[in-house]
Each structure stands twice: as C-alpha cells, then as structure tokens.
C-alpha cells in the first residue's frame, strides 16, 4: 500500500477505518465521459472516498508533481478503491456512460429490423422474457425499447396483455409514402446542388450494386436504402436526414411490399438510373421530380400488393 501521511488522516480515524474495511469490496467500475471511475456495486465505498476527497482534495491543480501529497493520495484511491480524481474535483456524481443510456434504443433498432424483415409478423406478440433472454438484457430495458417502438408505431402496448406488432394499414401506407415522397424530393434537390465529382462516382458505384442485387429482394432493399442514404448525406441537412431515417423505420415493411416482384425492382432500377444521371448532370429540379415519382410508384406497387395479400377469400357458390 502506498504510504499516506498520517497528518492527512489524523482527524478522520472513523472515516479512514471504514474506508479500509470497504476497500476490498468487489467493485464493478464503469468509465464515463469525464474519465472518472465510479464504483457502482458498493455505494458506501464511493461515499467514503468522496468524503476523503472533499477533505483532502477540494481542488486538484491542473499541474501536479508526481510526488506531491495530492498525487500520492490520488494513487492511493486508484489502487485501493478504483476512484480517479478528475483534473478539477467535483462533488457531484458523474453522468452515466452513453452506452448505457442508449442500450434500449439499440435493442429497439434490432427489434425494428426483425419487424421490417417479417421475422416478427404483424399481430404477433413480443414477449418481454424471451426478448430479455435473447438480447441478454433486463426486462426493464426491453420495456423501454418497446415504448420506443410504440412511438414509431411499429408496436402497440395493451395494458395487462403485452406488446404486439402493429397490423399493416392501407391508410398508413398511403400517408407514409406521400410524406416520404416530398422529403426525398427535397433531399435529392439539395444533393444535386452539392454533388461533386467524387460524390458522382460514389452514386454510380451504389447504382451498380443496386443493379447487381435486382434478383434478391432483401439485397435490393438494402442497396436502395444505400442510395437514399448517400443522397441524404449529400443534402447536408441534418433535420431532413433525421426525418428520412425515422420514416425509413416506419415505412420499411411497406417498401418491401412495393418491391416484392422482380419486375417491379427492374423498373425501380431504371428510375434510379435516371435519378442518378439528373443528379450528376446538375439538374436539381428533374432529379427531385424523378425521385418523387419513384416514391409514388413504390406506393402504388405496395398498395396493390397489400390489397392482393389482404383480399378476403371468396367462398365458391354451390352449383
């Protein structure tokens, strides 16, 4: 153990004794953004160490000698408790790590992907226990993730019954595509105004991948989403980008309906080719109009497929 001056501890025998009794506790540490190590499993150790720091290190200088009393005490705390003093001492608790704050969102995104690719079919129940075991997280994390999905209108939470994947709706399909068409038209117009030679090369490369994937629905959907993402990035409008990405989570199931047939995907590639040519040539109005038309064509194809799948079965009449 690092030698600590008895002068520092002369007036605090009770605190220091408690500190020594607690220092071998099994403490789990999590690093936060301000380089402060917070023991999360033994709060009594944290409180004792905080008391010590308040008494001995109320303000830690920017430049400390390695052999100064401050440095020795800091080393003692790190070695025996696992607490590092920041450059400026603060008595307030540090913020939680960002990863922990976004964990429910990460889980929600994964569940959303499973909903969009039909791993969870419309109307199916999402069971907290099974999801918690699958993602190796707490049920509280799953509940928060499901609340995020409810806000995205991918899940409905029914009191005393649980969470269910929302059913597809012709009205929602129509509404989502109408708004998305306007957003994509605006984004493509802005992208055209900012498109450089390097950007044009990037667009052509993604268009080539789109053509290569036309025979496979999932590959084509990913490549098409990649085209949209490039254009939205080129628009350099963060607000617009956020809206388009949020819509992508809601509209994903309908997009797959609109691209279900290979013939429809071939028509989509042809329209994408015209869009890229307009963007590269700098014709912003033509590019915006073409992308809006593509979105509306996708809406019509999705609606047609939706009605085909949800057409009530007819009972043959007896002769």
C-alpha atoms as a PDB file:
ATOM      1  CA  UNK A   1       0.000   0.000   0.000  1.00  0.00           C
ATOM      2  CA  UNK A   2       1.173   3.483  -0.821  1.00  0.00           C
ATOM      3  CA  UNK A   3       2.325   5.329   2.279  1.00  0.00           C
ATOM      4  CA  UNK A   4      -0.097   8.085   3.211  1.00  0.00           C
ATOM      5  CA  UNK A   5       0.914  10.840   5.532  1.00  0.00           C
ATOM      6  CA  UNK A   6      -0.616  10.407   8.993  1.00  0.00           C
ATOM      7  CA  UNK A   7      -1.084  14.147   9.029  1.00  0.00           C
ATOM      8  CA  UNK A   8      -3.847  13.774   6.429  1.00  0.00           C
ATOM      9  CA  UNK A   9      -5.704  11.137   8.428  1.00  0.00           C
ATOM     10  CA  UNK A  10      -5.179  12.430  11.959  1.00  0.00           C
ATOM     11  CA  UNK A  11      -8.601  13.978  12.248  1.00  0.00           C
ATOM     12  CA  UNK A  12     -10.546  11.263  10.404  1.00  0.00           C
ATOM     13  CA  UNK A  13      -9.958   7.865  12.074  1.00  0.00           C
ATOM     14  CA  UNK A  14     -13.590   6.773  11.737  1.00  0.00           C
ATOM     15  CA  UNK A  15     -13.800   7.573   8.059  1.00  0.00           C
ATOM     16  CA  UNK A  16     -10.418   6.028   7.298  1.00  0.00           C
ATOM     17  CA  UNK A  17     -11.206   2.828   9.208  1.00  0.00           C
ATOM     18  CA  UNK A  18     -14.434   2.419   7.310  1.00  0.00           C
ATOM     19  CA  UNK A  19     -12.544   3.155   4.128  1.00  0.00           C
ATOM     20  CA  UNK A  20     -10.074   0.325   4.879  1.00  0.00           C
ATOM     21  CA  UNK A  21     -12.867  -2.138   5.697  1.00  0.00           C
ATOM     22  CA  UNK A  22     -14.591  -1.414   2.409  1.00  0.00           C
ATOM     23  CA  UNK A  23     -11.596  -1.221   0.116  1.00  0.00           C
ATOM     24  CA  UNK A  24     -11.526  -4.933  -0.697  1.00  0.00           C
ATOM     25  CA  UNK A  25     -15.188  -4.997  -1.775  1.00  0.00           C
ATOM     26  CA  UNK A  26     -15.875  -6.440  -5.161  1.00  0.00           C
ATOM     27  CA  UNK A  27     -16.435  -3.246  -7.095  1.00  0.00           C
ATOM     28  CA  UNK A  28     -17.529  -3.032 -10.680  1.00  0.00           C
ATOM     29  CA  UNK A  29     -16.288   0.076 -12.438  1.00  0.00           C
ATOM     30  CA  UNK A  30     -17.730   1.860 -15.415  1.00  0.00           C
ATOM     31  CA  UNK A  31     -15.873   4.581 -17.246  1.00  0.00           C
ATOM     32  CA  UNK A  32     -17.803   7.710 -18.001  1.00  0.00           C
ATOM     33  CA  UNK A  33     -17.044  10.580 -20.312  1.00  0.00           C
ATOM     34  CA  UNK A  34     -15.109  12.686 -17.791  1.00  0.00           C
ATOM     35  CA  UNK A  35     -12.527   9.968 -17.026  1.00  0.00           C
ATOM     36  CA  UNK A  36     -13.946   9.397 -13.572  1.00  0.00           C
ATOM     37  CA  UNK A  37     -14.256   5.773 -12.404  1.00  0.00           C
ATOM     38  CA  UNK A  38     -17.483   5.290 -10.497  1.00  0.00           C
ATOM     39  CA  UNK A  39     -17.926   2.175  -8.319  1.00  0.00           C
ATOM     40  CA  UNK A  40     -21.484   1.058  -8.974  1.00  0.00           C
ATOM     41  CA  UNK A  41     -21.708  -2.055  -6.769  1.00  0.00           C
ATOM     42  CA  UNK A  42     -20.543  -0.578  -3.440  1.00  0.00           C
ATOM     43  CA  UNK A  43     -22.083   2.854  -2.874  1.00  0.00           C
ATOM     44  CA  UNK A  44     -20.798   3.018   0.710  1.00  0.00           C
ATOM     45  CA  UNK A  45     -17.223   2.900  -0.614  1.00  0.00           C
ATOM     46  CA  UNK A  46     -17.994   5.682  -3.035  1.00  0.00           C
ATOM     47  CA  UNK A  47     -19.450   7.853  -0.289  1.00  0.00           C
ATOM     48  CA  UNK A  48     -16.469   7.282   1.994  1.00  0.00           C
ATOM     49  CA  UNK A  49     -13.992   8.023  -0.759  1.00  0.00           C
ATOM     50  CA  UNK A  50     -15.958  11.125  -1.689  1.00  0.00           C
ATOM     51  CA  UNK A  51     -15.711  12.281   1.922  1.00  0.00           C
ATOM     52  CA  UNK A  52     -11.930  11.789   1.809  1.00  0.00           C
ATOM     53  CA  UNK A  53     -11.638  13.720  -1.413  1.00  0.00           C
ATOM     54  CA  UNK A  54     -13.715  16.565  -0.045  1.00  0.00           C
ATOM     55  CA  UNK A  55     -11.389  16.808   2.941  1.00  0.00           C
ATOM     56  CA  UNK A  56      -8.043  16.388   1.194  1.00  0.00           C
ATOM     57  CA  UNK A  57      -8.542  17.270  -2.467  1.00  0.00           C
ATOM     58  CA  UNK A  58     -11.193  20.006  -2.683  1.00  0.00           C
ATOM     59  CA  UNK A  59      -9.405  21.332  -5.743  1.00  0.00           C
ATOM     60  CA  UNK A  60      -6.850  19.380  -7.719  1.00  0.00           C
ATOM     61  CA  UNK A  61      -4.385  21.657  -9.574  1.00  0.00           C
ATOM     62  CA  UNK A  62      -4.000  21.357 -13.310  1.00  0.00           C
ATOM     63  CA  UNK A  63      -0.304  20.503 -12.928  1.00  0.00           C
ATOM     64  CA  UNK A  64       0.636  18.212 -10.080  1.00  0.00           C
ATOM     65  CA  UNK A  65       4.059  16.864  -9.147  1.00  0.00           C
ATOM     66  CA  UNK A  66       4.125  13.066  -9.214  1.00  0.00           C
ATOM     67  CA  UNK A  67       5.423  13.104  -5.635  1.00  0.00           C
ATOM     68  CA  UNK A  68       3.091  15.748  -4.260  1.00  0.00           C
ATOM     69  CA  UNK A  69       0.625  14.826  -1.473  1.00  0.00           C
ATOM     70  CA  UNK A  70      -2.199  15.212  -3.963  1.00  0.00           C
ATOM     71  CA  UNK A  71      -0.657  12.717  -6.357  1.00  0.00           C
ATOM     72  CA  UNK A  72       0.090  10.239  -3.556  1.00  0.00           C
ATOM     73  CA  UNK A  73      -3.478  10.354  -2.296  1.00  0.00           C
ATOM     74  CA  UNK A  74      -4.839  10.033  -5.807  1.00  0.00           C
ATOM     75  CA  UNK A  75      -2.648   6.975  -6.379  1.00  0.00           C
ATOM     76  CA  UNK A  76      -3.862   5.528  -3.090  1.00  0.00           C
ATOM     77  CA  UNK A  77      -7.501   5.945  -4.114  1.00  0.00           C
ATOM     78  CA  UNK A  78      -6.917   4.404  -7.543  1.00  0.00           C
ATOM     79  CA  UNK A  79      -5.022   1.388  -6.181  1.00  0.00           C
ATOM     80  CA  UNK A  80      -7.302   0.612  -3.245  1.00  0.00           C
ATOM     81  CA  UNK A  81     -10.742   1.786  -4.299  1.00  0.00           C
ATOM     82  CA  UNK A  82     -10.584   2.414  -8.010  1.00  0.00           C
ATOM     83  CA  UNK A  83     -11.561   6.079  -7.957  1.00  0.00           C
ATOM     84  CA  UNK A  84      -9.625   8.561 -10.051  1.00  0.00           C
ATOM     85  CA  UNK A  85      -9.885  12.259  -9.316  1.00  0.00           C
ATOM     86  CA  UNK A  86     -10.614  14.408 -12.357  1.00  0.00           C
ATOM     87  CA  UNK A  87      -8.407  17.388 -13.172  1.00  0.00           C
ATOM     88  CA  UNK A  88     -10.960  19.637 -11.458  1.00  0.00           C
ATOM     89  CA  UNK A  89     -12.527  17.991  -8.444  1.00  0.00           C
ATOM     90  CA  UNK A  90     -16.321  17.847  -8.380  1.00  0.00           C
ATOM     91  CA  UNK A  91     -18.525  16.589  -5.575  1.00  0.00           C
ATOM     92  CA  UNK A  92     -21.398  15.792  -7.958  1.00  0.00           C
ATOM     93  CA  UNK A  93     -21.906  12.298  -9.318  1.00  0.00           C
ATOM     94  CA  UNK A  94     -20.685  11.739 -12.879  1.00  0.00           C
ATOM     95  CA  UNK A  95     -23.054  11.180 -15.780  1.00  0.00           C
ATOM     96  CA  UNK A  96     -23.889   7.618 -16.745  1.00  0.00           C
ATOM     97  CA  UNK A  97     -21.933   6.213 -19.681  1.00  0.00           C
ATOM     98  CA  UNK A  98     -23.533   6.960 -23.041  1.00  0.00           C
ATOM     99  CA  UNK A  99     -23.650   3.267 -23.958  1.00  0.00           C
ATOM    100  CA  UNK A 100     -25.943   2.516 -21.023  1.00  0.00           C
ATOM    101  CA  UNK A 101     -28.197   5.428 -21.923  1.00  0.00           C
ATOM    102  CA  UNK A 102     -28.657   4.199 -25.494  1.00  0.00           C
ATOM    103  CA  UNK A 103     -28.985   0.472 -24.819  1.00  0.00           C
ATOM    104  CA  UNK A 104     -32.820   0.451 -25.060  1.00  0.00           C
ATOM    105  CA  UNK A 105     -32.548   2.314 -28.369  1.00  0.00           C
ATOM    106  CA  UNK A 106     -30.067  -0.240 -29.667  1.00  0.00           C
ATOM    107  CA  UNK A 107     -32.401  -3.060 -28.693  1.00  0.00           C
ATOM    108  CA  UNK A 108     -35.356  -1.202 -30.238  1.00  0.00           C
ATOM    109  CA  UNK A 109     -33.468  -0.849 -33.532  1.00  0.00           C
ATOM    110  CA  UNK A 110     -32.733  -4.578 -33.605  1.00  0.00           C
ATOM    111  CA  UNK A 111     -36.361  -5.479 -32.921  1.00  0.00           C
ATOM    112  CA  UNK A 112     -37.469  -2.952 -35.570  1.00  0.00           C
ATOM    113  CA  UNK A 113     -35.267  -4.672 -38.159  1.00  0.00           C
ATOM    114  CA  UNK A 114     -36.837  -8.008 -37.273  1.00  0.00           C
ATOM    115  CA  UNK A 115     -40.290  -6.469 -37.696  1.00  0.00           C
ATOM    116  CA  UNK A 116     -39.394  -4.954 -41.061  1.00  0.00           C
ATOM    117  CA  UNK A 117     -37.996  -8.197 -42.475  1.00  0.00           C
ATOM    118  CA  UNK A 118     -41.094 -10.068 -41.200  1.00  0.00           C
ATOM    119  CA  UNK A 119     -39.247 -12.125 -38.578  1.00  0.00           C
ATOM    120  CA  UNK A 120     -41.987 -10.743 -36.318  1.00  0.00           C
ATOM    121  CA  UNK A 121     -45.181 -10.812 -38.359  1.00  0.00           C
ATOM    122  CA  UNK A 122     -47.989  -8.245 -37.953  1.00  0.00           C
ATOM    123  CA  UNK A 123     -50.130  -9.028 -34.929  1.00  0.00           C
ATOM    124  CA  UNK A 124     -47.539 -11.272 -33.253  1.00  0.00           C
ATOM    125  CA  UNK A 125     -46.847 -10.813 -29.552  1.00  0.00           C
ATOM    126  CA  UNK A 126     -43.455  -9.609 -28.320  1.00  0.00           C
ATOM    127  CA  UNK A 127     -42.756 -11.354 -25.017  1.00  0.00           C
ATOM    128  CA  UNK A 128     -40.533  -9.478 -22.596  1.00  0.00           C
ATOM    129  CA  UNK A 129     -38.947 -12.557 -21.006  1.00  0.00           C
ATOM    130  CA  UNK A 130     -37.967 -14.114 -24.323  1.00  0.00           C
ATOM    131  CA  UNK A 131     -36.578 -10.838 -25.680  1.00  0.00           C
ATOM    132  CA  UNK A 132     -34.627 -10.178 -22.460  1.00  0.00           C
ATOM    133  CA  UNK A 133     -33.041 -13.628 -22.693  1.00  0.00           C
ATOM    134  CA  UNK A 134     -32.277 -13.245 -26.399  1.00  0.00           C
ATOM    135  CA  UNK A 135     -30.600  -9.827 -26.040  1.00  0.00           C
ATOM    136  CA  UNK A 136     -29.132 -10.659 -22.602  1.00  0.00           C
ATOM    137  CA  UNK A 137     -30.570  -7.506 -21.039  1.00  0.00           C
ATOM    138  CA  UNK A 138     -33.025  -6.753 -18.248  1.00  0.00           C
ATOM    139  CA  UNK A 139     -36.779  -6.761 -18.715  1.00  0.00           C
ATOM    140  CA  UNK A 140     -36.750  -3.051 -17.844  1.00  0.00           C
ATOM    141  CA  UNK A 141     -34.530  -2.436 -20.885  1.00  0.00           C
ATOM    142  CA  UNK A 142     -36.934  -4.424 -23.058  1.00  0.00           C
ATOM    143  CA  UNK A 143     -39.917  -2.459 -21.757  1.00  0.00           C
ATOM    144  CA  UNK A 144     -38.225   0.818 -22.600  1.00  0.00           C
ATOM    145  CA  UNK A 145     -37.267  -0.499 -26.045  1.00  0.00           C
ATOM    146  CA  UNK A 146     -40.885  -1.487 -26.669  1.00  0.00           C
ATOM    147  CA  UNK A 147     -42.024   2.008 -25.680  1.00  0.00           C
ATOM    148  CA  UNK A 148     -39.657   3.433 -28.306  1.00  0.00           C
ATOM    149  CA  UNK A 149     -41.143   1.062 -30.875  1.00  0.00           C
ATOM    150  CA  UNK A 150     -44.636   2.150 -29.876  1.00  0.00           C
ATOM    151  CA  UNK A 151     -43.636   5.754 -30.595  1.00  0.00           C
ATOM    152  CA  UNK A 152     -42.509   4.598 -34.058  1.00  0.00           C
ATOM    153  CA  UNK A 153     -45.911   2.925 -34.469  1.00  0.00           C
ATOM    154  CA  UNK A 154     -44.342  -0.483 -35.007  1.00  0.00           C
ATOM    155  CA  UNK A 155     -45.715  -1.871 -31.722  1.00  0.00           C
ATOM    156  CA  UNK A 156     -48.927  -1.484 -29.744  1.00  0.00           C
ATOM    157  CA  UNK A 157     -48.728  -1.974 -25.974  1.00  0.00           C
ATOM    158  CA  UNK A 158     -52.003  -3.182 -24.497  1.00  0.00           C
ATOM    159  CA  UNK A 159     -52.430  -2.898 -20.703  1.00  0.00           C
ATOM    160  CA  UNK A 160     -52.432  -6.279 -18.965  1.00  0.00           C
ATOM    161  CA  UNK A 161     -51.891  -8.017 -22.305  1.00  0.00           C
ATOM    162  CA  UNK A 162     -48.441  -7.059 -23.548  1.00  0.00           C
ATOM    163  CA  UNK A 163     -46.865  -5.700 -26.729  1.00  0.00           C
ATOM    164  CA  UNK A 164     -47.956  -6.660 -30.237  1.00  0.00           C
ATOM    165  CA  UNK A 165     -46.573  -5.851 -33.679  1.00  0.00           C
ATOM    166  CA  UNK A 166     -48.903  -3.405 -35.399  1.00  0.00           C
ATOM    167  CA  UNK A 167     -51.009  -4.532 -38.322  1.00  0.00           C
ATOM    168  CA  UNK A 168     -50.370  -3.113 -41.786  1.00  0.00           C
ATOM    169  CA  UNK A 169     -52.821  -0.480 -42.964  1.00  0.00           C
ATOM    170  CA  UNK A 170     -53.657   0.845 -46.425  1.00  0.00           C
ATOM    171  CA  UNK A 171     -54.256   4.304 -44.945  1.00  0.00           C
ATOM    172  CA  UNK A 172     -50.889   4.335 -43.177  1.00  0.00           C
ATOM    173  CA  UNK A 173     -49.196   3.097 -46.351  1.00  0.00           C
ATOM    174  CA  UNK A 174     -50.680   5.950 -48.363  1.00  0.00           C
ATOM    175  CA  UNK A 175     -49.856   8.595 -45.751  1.00  0.00           C
ATOM    176  CA  UNK A 176     -46.258   7.468 -45.200  1.00  0.00           C
ATOM    177  CA  UNK A 177     -45.356   7.322 -48.895  1.00  0.00           C
ATOM    178  CA  UNK A 178     -46.902  10.733 -49.572  1.00  0.00           C
ATOM    179  CA  UNK A 179     -44.756  12.418 -46.911  1.00  0.00           C
ATOM    180  CA  UNK A 180     -41.663  10.384 -47.780  1.00  0.00           C
ATOM    181  CA  UNK A 181     -42.004  11.379 -51.457  1.00  0.00           C
ATOM    182  CA  UNK A 182     -41.813  15.066 -50.524  1.00  0.00           C
ATOM    183  CA  UNK A 183     -38.867  14.536 -48.187  1.00  0.00           C
ATOM    184  CA  UNK A 184     -36.888  12.562 -50.756  1.00  0.00           C
ATOM    185  CA  UNK A 185     -37.597  15.115 -53.480  1.00  0.00           C
ATOM    186  CA  UNK A 186     -36.272  17.905 -51.277  1.00  0.00           C
ATOM    187  CA  UNK A 187     -33.215  15.911 -50.232  1.00  0.00           C
ATOM    188  CA  UNK A 188     -32.376  14.969 -53.823  1.00  0.00           C
ATOM    189  CA  UNK A 189     -32.683  18.567 -54.991  1.00  0.00           C
ATOM    190  CA  UNK A 190     -30.263  19.714 -52.278  1.00  0.00           C
ATOM    191  CA  UNK A 191     -27.911  16.811 -53.028  1.00  0.00           C
ATOM    192  CA  UNK A 192     -27.814  17.751 -56.711  1.00  0.00           C
ATOM    193  CA  UNK A 193     -26.792  21.306 -55.862  1.00  0.00           C
ATOM    194  CA  UNK A 194     -23.864  19.997 -53.791  1.00  0.00           C
ATOM    195  CA  UNK A 195     -22.781  16.985 -55.845  1.00  0.00           C
ATOM    196  CA  UNK A 196     -19.043  16.865 -56.608  1.00  0.00           C
ATOM    197  CA  UNK A 197     -17.139  14.533 -58.958  1.00  0.00           C
ATOM    198  CA  UNK A 198     -16.261  12.306 -56.022  1.00  0.00           C
ATOM    199  CA  UNK A 199     -19.924  12.201 -54.997  1.00  0.00           C
ATOM    200  CA  UNK A 200     -20.953  11.314 -58.546  1.00  0.00           C
ATOM    201  CA  UNK A 201     -18.522   8.409 -58.535  1.00  0.00           C
ATOM    202  CA  UNK A 202     -19.952   7.234 -55.233  1.00  0.00           C
ATOM    203  CA  UNK A 203     -23.512   7.378 -56.588  1.00  0.00           C
ATOM    204  CA  UNK A 204     -22.579   5.428 -59.709  1.00  0.00           C
ATOM    205  CA  UNK A 205     -20.894   2.774 -57.594  1.00  0.00           C
ATOM    206  CA  UNK A 206     -24.018   2.352 -55.459  1.00  0.00           C
ATOM    207  CA  UNK A 207     -26.169   2.235 -58.607  1.00  0.00           C
ATOM    208  CA  UNK A 208     -24.030  -0.637 -59.884  1.00  0.00           C
ATOM    209  CA  UNK A 209     -24.625  -2.525 -56.630  1.00  0.00           C
ATOM    210  CA  UNK A 210     -28.343  -1.847 -56.990  1.00  0.00           C
ATOM    211  CA  UNK A 211     -28.354  -3.432 -60.462  1.00  0.00           C
ATOM    212  CA  UNK A 212     -26.444  -6.457 -59.221  1.00  0.00           C
ATOM    213  CA  UNK A 213     -28.973  -7.108 -56.461  1.00  0.00           C
ATOM    214  CA  UNK A 214     -32.152  -6.899 -58.532  1.00  0.00           C
ATOM    215  CA  UNK A 215     -32.830 -10.648 -58.297  1.00  0.00           C
ATOM    216  CA  UNK A 216     -32.919 -10.697 -54.489  1.00  0.00           C
ATOM    217  CA  UNK A 217     -35.482  -8.676 -52.525  1.00  0.00           C
ATOM    218  CA  UNK A 218     -33.501  -8.187 -49.296  1.00  0.00           C
ATOM    219  CA  UNK A 219     -30.289  -7.283 -51.120  1.00  0.00           C
ATOM    220  CA  UNK A 220     -32.176  -4.843 -53.308  1.00  0.00           C
ATOM    221  CA  UNK A 221     -33.896  -3.174 -50.358  1.00  0.00           C
ATOM    222  CA  UNK A 222     -30.504  -2.664 -48.671  1.00  0.00           C
ATOM    223  CA  UNK A 223     -28.941  -1.274 -51.853  1.00  0.00           C
ATOM    224  CA  UNK A 224     -31.906   1.039 -52.435  1.00  0.00           C
ATOM    225  CA  UNK A 225     -31.656   2.296 -48.850  1.00  0.00           C
ATOM    226  CA  UNK A 226     -27.961   2.906 -49.512  1.00  0.00           C
ATOM    227  CA  UNK A 227     -28.846   5.126 -52.482  1.00  0.00           C
ATOM    228  CA  UNK A 228     -31.223   7.163 -50.333  1.00  0.00           C
ATOM    229  CA  UNK A 229     -28.635   7.471 -47.571  1.00  0.00           C
ATOM    230  CA  UNK A 230     -25.991   8.824 -49.961  1.00  0.00           C
ATOM    231  CA  UNK A 231     -28.371  11.462 -51.307  1.00  0.00           C
ATOM    232  CA  UNK A 232     -29.469  12.485 -47.821  1.00  0.00           C
ATOM    233  CA  UNK A 233     -25.851  12.822 -46.720  1.00  0.00           C
ATOM    234  CA  UNK A 234     -25.122  14.980 -49.764  1.00  0.00           C
ATOM    235  CA  UNK A 235     -28.093  17.229 -48.906  1.00  0.00           C
ATOM    236  CA  UNK A 236     -26.128  18.387 -45.820  1.00  0.00           C
ATOM    237  CA  UNK A 237     -29.403  18.986 -43.965  1.00  0.00           C
ATOM    238  CA  UNK A 238     -29.399  17.276 -40.576  1.00  0.00           C
ATOM    239  CA  UNK A 239     -33.081  17.876 -39.869  1.00  0.00           C
ATOM    240  CA  UNK A 240     -34.134  16.428 -43.197  1.00  0.00           C
ATOM    241  CA  UNK A 241     -31.822  13.451 -42.704  1.00  0.00           C
ATOM    242  CA  UNK A 242     -33.339  12.715 -39.311  1.00  0.00           C
ATOM    243  CA  UNK A 243     -36.886  12.770 -40.706  1.00  0.00           C
ATOM    244  CA  UNK A 244     -35.985  10.494 -43.631  1.00  0.00           C
ATOM    245  CA  UNK A 245     -34.266   7.967 -41.351  1.00  0.00           C
ATOM    246  CA  UNK A 246     -37.170   7.974 -38.920  1.00  0.00           C
ATOM    247  CA  UNK A 247     -39.576   7.362 -41.785  1.00  0.00           C
ATOM    248  CA  UNK A 248     -37.414   4.503 -43.022  1.00  0.00           C
ATOM    249  CA  UNK A 249     -38.108   2.646 -39.770  1.00  0.00           C
ATOM    250  CA  UNK A 250     -41.868   3.058 -40.158  1.00  0.00           C
ATOM    251  CA  UNK A 251     -42.123   2.502 -43.879  1.00  0.00           C
ATOM    252  CA  UNK A 252     -39.757  -0.457 -44.222  1.00  0.00           C
ATOM    253  CA  UNK A 253     -42.472  -3.114 -44.253  1.00  0.00           C
ATOM    254  CA  UNK A 254     -44.378  -1.280 -46.978  1.00  0.00           C
ATOM    255  CA  UNK A 255     -41.253  -0.736 -49.081  1.00  0.00           C
ATOM    256  CA  UNK A 256     -40.783  -4.500 -49.243  1.00  0.00           C
ATOM    257  CA  UNK A 257     -44.341  -4.896 -50.473  1.00  0.00           C
ATOM    258  CA  UNK A 258     -43.683  -2.413 -53.280  1.00  0.00           C
ATOM    259  CA  UNK A 259     -40.527  -4.218 -54.363  1.00  0.00           C
ATOM    260  CA  UNK A 260     -41.824  -7.757 -53.940  1.00  0.00           C
ATOM    261  CA  UNK A 261     -41.665  -8.694 -57.625  1.00  0.00           C
ATOM    262  CA  UNK A 262     -38.530  -8.784 -59.733  1.00  0.00           C
ATOM    263  CA  UNK A 263     -40.319  -6.880 -62.482  1.00  0.00           C
ATOM    264  CA  UNK A 264     -41.018  -4.035 -60.061  1.00  0.00           C
ATOM    265  CA  UNK A 265     -37.376  -3.991 -58.958  1.00  0.00           C
ATOM    266  CA  UNK A 266     -36.225  -3.751 -62.591  1.00  0.00           C
ATOM    267  CA  UNK A 267     -38.481  -0.750 -63.106  1.00  0.00           C
ATOM    268  CA  UNK A 268     -37.095   0.751 -59.921  1.00  0.00           C
ATOM    269  CA  UNK A 269     -33.526   0.358 -61.201  1.00  0.00           C
ATOM    270  CA  UNK A 270     -34.445   2.129 -64.423  1.00  0.00           C
ATOM    271  CA  UNK A 271     -35.882   5.063 -62.465  1.00  0.00           C
ATOM    272  CA  UNK A 272     -32.847   5.170 -60.165  1.00  0.00           C
ATOM    273  CA  UNK A 273     -30.616   5.364 -63.255  1.00  0.00           C
ATOM    274  CA  UNK A 274     -32.495   8.448 -64.442  1.00  0.00           C
ATOM    275  CA  UNK A 275     -32.275   9.996 -60.958  1.00  0.00           C
ATOM    276  CA  UNK A 276     -28.501   9.494 -60.742  1.00  0.00           C
ATOM    277  CA  UNK A 277     -27.986  10.912 -64.253  1.00  0.00           C
ATOM    278  CA  UNK A 278     -30.001  14.018 -63.317  1.00  0.00           C
ATOM    279  CA  UNK A 279     -28.062  14.489 -60.065  1.00  0.00           C
ATOM    280  CA  UNK A 280     -24.676  14.096 -61.744  1.00  0.00           C
ATOM    281  CA  UNK A 281     -25.606  16.498 -64.559  1.00  0.00           C
ATOM    282  CA  UNK A 282     -26.728  19.114 -62.017  1.00  0.00           C
ATOM    283  CA  UNK A 283     -30.414  19.188 -62.998  1.00  0.00           C
ATOM    284  CA  UNK A 284     -31.823  19.580 -59.498  1.00  0.00           C
ATOM    285  CA  UNK A 285     -35.475  20.070 -60.492  1.00  0.00           C
ATOM    286  CA  UNK A 286     -35.530  16.989 -62.715  1.00  0.00           C
ATOM    287  CA  UNK A 287     -33.774  14.909 -60.053  1.00  0.00           C
ATOM    288  CA  UNK A 288     -36.281  15.986 -57.390  1.00  0.00           C
ATOM    289  CA  UNK A 289     -39.274  15.262 -59.625  1.00  0.00           C
ATOM    290  CA  UNK A 290     -37.921  11.843 -60.627  1.00  0.00           C
ATOM    291  CA  UNK A 291     -37.323  10.816 -57.032  1.00  0.00           C
ATOM    292  CA  UNK A 292     -40.795  11.931 -56.013  1.00  0.00           C
ATOM    293  CA  UNK A 293     -42.265   9.910 -58.884  1.00  0.00           C
ATOM    294  CA  UNK A 294     -40.241   6.870 -57.842  1.00  0.00           C
ATOM    295  CA  UNK A 295     -41.607   7.086 -54.309  1.00  0.00           C
ATOM    296  CA  UNK A 296     -45.175   7.388 -55.571  1.00  0.00           C
ATOM    297  CA  UNK A 297     -44.694   4.468 -57.946  1.00  0.00           C
ATOM    298  CA  UNK A 298     -43.449   2.433 -54.986  1.00  0.00           C
ATOM    299  CA  UNK A 299     -46.591   3.466 -53.112  1.00  0.00           C
ATOM    300  CA  UNK A 300     -48.847   2.245 -55.903  1.00  0.00           C
ATOM    301  CA  UNK A 301     -46.998  -1.063 -56.161  1.00  0.00           C
ATOM    302  CA  UNK A 302     -47.060  -1.541 -52.378  1.00  0.00           C
ATOM    303  CA  UNK A 303     -50.774  -0.763 -52.201  1.00  0.00           C
ATOM    304  CA  UNK A 304     -51.506  -3.219 -55.000  1.00  0.00           C
ATOM    305  CA  UNK A 305     -49.536  -5.950 -53.227  1.00  0.00           C
ATOM    306  CA  UNK A 306     -51.163  -5.110 -49.903  1.00  0.00           C
ATOM    307  CA  UNK A 307     -54.657  -5.420 -51.362  1.00  0.00           C
ATOM    308  CA  UNK A 308     -53.734  -8.686 -53.058  1.00  0.00           C
ATOM    309  CA  UNK A 309     -52.494 -10.170 -49.771  1.00  0.00           C
ATOM    310  CA  UNK A 310     -55.429  -8.894 -47.735  1.00  0.00           C
ATOM    311  CA  UNK A 311     -58.142  -9.646 -50.250  1.00  0.00           C
ATOM    312  CA  UNK A 312     -60.870 -11.593 -48.478  1.00  0.00           C
ATOM    313  CA  UNK A 313     -61.095 -15.194 -49.536  1.00  0.00           C
ATOM    314  CA  UNK A 314     -64.173 -15.874 -51.627  1.00  0.00           C
ATOM    315  CA  UNK A 315     -66.246 -18.905 -50.865  1.00  0.00           C
ATOM    316  CA  UNK A 316     -67.250 -20.753 -54.014  1.00  0.00           C
ATOM    317  CA  UNK A 317     -71.004 -20.817 -54.515  1.00  0.00           C
ATOM    318  CA  UNK A 318     -72.578 -24.247 -54.992  1.00  0.00           C
ATOM    319  CA  UNK A 319     -73.863 -25.041 -58.483  1.00  0.00           C
END
